[in-house]
Amino acid sequence: MTTASARHILVNDEQQCIDLKTEIEQGGDFAELAKTHSQCPSGQRGGDLGSFGRGQMVKEFDEVVFSGDVGQVHGPVQTQFGYHLIEITERED
């Protein structure tokens, strides 16, 4: 079974998500920004979601994590929860 590990930042607003991605691309610390801005309880862990298998996350999130490049920050990704920045930290087939 394919598993992946990821961390994310969840916000309500697409523009805020874009601004945070720009900040990360300019050297901002993903974990610190997650602690400050993420509306998901995982924010307190720097956005870390741990390891999970296909189908355990909502469809839009799942598609990015299992097809995107590892080590890259992807997003904004819109789900029913809001807008996510997703960093895929590991993936094993």
C-alpha atoms as a PDB file:
ATOM      1  CA  MET A   1       0.000   0.000   0.000  1.00  0.00           C
ATOM      2  CA  THR A   2       1.257   3.466  -0.870  1.00  0.00           C
ATOM      3  CA  THR A   3       1.668   5.745   2.144  1.00  0.00           C
ATOM      4  CA  ALA A   4       2.676   9.369   2.397  1.00  0.00           C
ATOM      5  CA  SER A   5       3.606  11.888   5.037  1.00  0.00           C
ATOM      6  CA  ALA A   6       2.714  15.532   4.687  1.00  0.00           C
ATOM      7  CA  ARG A   7       2.239  18.751   6.545  1.00  0.00           C
ATOM      8  CA  HIS A   8      -0.195  21.491   5.692  1.00  0.00           C
ATOM      9  CA  ILE A   9      -1.449  24.952   6.499  1.00  0.00           C
ATOM     10  CA  LEU A  10      -5.216  25.445   6.380  1.00  0.00           C
ATOM     11  CA  VAL A  11      -6.775  28.895   5.978  1.00  0.00           C
ATOM     12  CA  ASN A  12     -10.202  30.202   4.915  1.00  0.00           C
ATOM     13  CA  ASP A  13      -9.004  32.618   2.279  1.00  0.00           C
ATOM     14  CA  GLU A  14      -7.301  31.804  -1.031  1.00  0.00           C
ATOM     15  CA  GLN A  15      -5.330  35.067  -1.072  1.00  0.00           C
ATOM     16  CA  GLN A  16      -3.943  34.383   2.408  1.00  0.00           C
ATOM     17  CA  CYS A  17      -2.919  30.927   1.190  1.00  0.00           C
ATOM     18  CA  ILE A  18      -1.091  32.476  -1.796  1.00  0.00           C
ATOM     19  CA  ASP A  19       0.608  35.035   0.473  1.00  0.00           C
ATOM     20  CA  LEU A  20       1.809  32.298   2.841  1.00  0.00           C
ATOM     21  CA  LYS A  21       3.165  30.259  -0.084  1.00  0.00           C
ATOM     22  CA  THR A  22       5.118  33.317  -1.270  1.00  0.00           C
ATOM     23  CA  GLU A  23       6.492  33.795   2.237  1.00  0.00           C
ATOM     24  CA  ILE A  24       7.636  30.144   2.365  1.00  0.00           C
ATOM     25  CA  GLU A  25       9.227  30.432  -1.092  1.00  0.00           C
ATOM     26  CA  GLN A  26      11.159  33.449   0.186  1.00  0.00           C
ATOM     27  CA  GLY A  27      12.580  31.452   3.086  1.00  0.00           C
ATOM     28  CA  GLY A  28       9.749  31.507   5.627  1.00  0.00           C
ATOM     29  CA  ASP A  29       9.569  28.547   8.013  1.00  0.00           C
ATOM     30  CA  PHE A  30       6.654  26.253   7.095  1.00  0.00           C
ATOM     31  CA  ALA A  31       6.218  24.921  10.645  1.00  0.00           C
ATOM     32  CA  GLU A  32       6.239  28.377  12.240  1.00  0.00           C
ATOM     33  CA  LEU A  33       3.733  29.700   9.713  1.00  0.00           C
ATOM     34  CA  ALA A  34       1.516  26.662  10.346  1.00  0.00           C
ATOM     35  CA  LYS A  35       1.591  27.316  14.100  1.00  0.00           C
ATOM     36  CA  THR A  36       0.662  30.951  13.546  1.00  0.00           C
ATOM     37  CA  HIS A  37      -1.905  30.716  10.746  1.00  0.00           C
ATOM     38  CA  SER A  38      -3.310  27.200  10.317  1.00  0.00           C
ATOM     39  CA  GLN A  39      -6.878  26.590  11.438  1.00  0.00           C
ATOM     40  CA  CYS A  40      -6.270  22.845  11.687  1.00  0.00           C
ATOM     41  CA  PRO A  41      -5.305  21.374  15.080  1.00  0.00           C
ATOM     42  CA  SER A  42      -2.202  20.002  13.323  1.00  0.00           C
ATOM     43  CA  GLY A  43      -0.937  23.587  13.165  1.00  0.00           C
ATOM     44  CA  GLN A  44       0.349  23.207  16.711  1.00  0.00           C
ATOM     45  CA  ARG A  45       2.611  20.418  15.393  1.00  0.00           C
ATOM     46  CA  GLY A  46       3.872  22.614  12.573  1.00  0.00           C
ATOM     47  CA  GLY A  47       1.137  21.281  10.300  1.00  0.00           C
ATOM     48  CA  ASP A  48       2.411  17.692  10.527  1.00  0.00           C
ATOM     49  CA  LEU A  49      -0.249  15.151   9.579  1.00  0.00           C
ATOM     50  CA  GLY A  50       1.985  12.112  10.025  1.00  0.00           C
ATOM     51  CA  SER A  51       1.738   9.113   7.732  1.00  0.00           C
ATOM     52  CA  PHE A  52      -1.461   8.052   5.962  1.00  0.00           C
ATOM     53  CA  GLY A  53      -2.662   5.894   3.098  1.00  0.00           C
ATOM     54  CA  ARG A  54      -4.585   6.654  -0.061  1.00  0.00           C
ATOM     55  CA  GLY A  55      -8.223   7.534   0.588  1.00  0.00           C
ATOM     56  CA  GLN A  56      -7.725   8.654   4.198  1.00  0.00           C
ATOM     57  CA  MET A  57      -7.839  12.354   3.315  1.00  0.00           C
ATOM     58  CA  VAL A  58     -10.435  14.259   1.302  1.00  0.00           C
ATOM     59  CA  LYS A  59     -10.214  13.656  -2.454  1.00  0.00           C
ATOM     60  CA  GLU A  60      -8.584  16.961  -3.479  1.00  0.00           C
ATOM     61  CA  PHE A  61      -5.944  16.642  -0.754  1.00  0.00           C
ATOM     62  CA  ASP A  62      -5.331  12.969  -1.550  1.00  0.00           C
ATOM     63  CA  GLU A  63      -4.774  13.668  -5.257  1.00  0.00           C
ATOM     64  CA  VAL A  64      -2.034  16.214  -4.547  1.00  0.00           C
ATOM     65  CA  VAL A  65      -0.257  14.140  -1.908  1.00  0.00           C
ATOM     66  CA  PHE A  66      -0.151  10.986  -4.018  1.00  0.00           C
ATOM     67  CA  SER A  67       0.764  12.630  -7.344  1.00  0.00           C
ATOM     68  CA  GLY A  68       2.750  15.776  -6.505  1.00  0.00           C
ATOM     69  CA  ASP A  69       6.497  16.130  -6.119  1.00  0.00           C
ATOM     70  CA  VAL A  70       7.896  15.205  -2.701  1.00  0.00           C
ATOM     71  CA  GLY A  71       9.585  18.110  -0.919  1.00  0.00           C
ATOM     72  CA  GLN A  72       7.566  20.753  -2.770  1.00  0.00           C
ATOM     73  CA  VAL A  73       4.906  23.052  -1.345  1.00  0.00           C
ATOM     74  CA  HIS A  74       1.694  22.625  -3.349  1.00  0.00           C
ATOM     75  CA  GLY A  75      -1.336  24.864  -3.309  1.00  0.00           C
ATOM     76  CA  PRO A  76      -3.589  26.588  -2.823  1.00  0.00           C
ATOM     77  CA  VAL A  77      -5.637  23.383  -2.807  1.00  0.00           C
ATOM     78  CA  GLN A  78      -9.327  23.983  -2.113  1.00  0.00           C
ATOM     79  CA  THR A  79     -11.332  21.435  -0.111  1.00  0.00           C
ATOM     80  CA  GLN A  80     -14.547  21.659   1.883  1.00  0.00           C
ATOM     81  CA  PHE A  81     -12.406  22.789   4.841  1.00  0.00           C
ATOM     82  CA  GLY A  82     -10.800  25.777   3.122  1.00  0.00           C
ATOM     83  CA  TYR A  83      -7.518  26.377   1.319  1.00  0.00           C
ATOM     84  CA  HIS A  84      -4.439  24.291   1.994  1.00  0.00           C
ATOM     85  CA  LEU A  85      -0.744  24.585   1.370  1.00  0.00           C
ATOM     86  CA  ILE A  86       0.566  21.034   1.331  1.00  0.00           C
ATOM     87  CA  GLU A  87       4.176  19.939   1.681  1.00  0.00           C
ATOM     88  CA  ILE A  88       4.694  16.273   0.860  1.00  0.00           C
ATOM     89  CA  THR A  89       7.507  15.158   3.154  1.00  0.00           C
ATOM     90  CA  GLU A  90       7.661  11.474   2.176  1.00  0.00           C
ATOM     91  CA  ARG A  91       5.942   8.898  -0.014  1.00  0.00           C
ATOM     92  CA  GLU A  92       6.495   5.142  -0.190  1.00  0.00           C
ATOM     93  CA  ASP A  93       4.994   2.786  -2.761  1.00  0.00           C
END
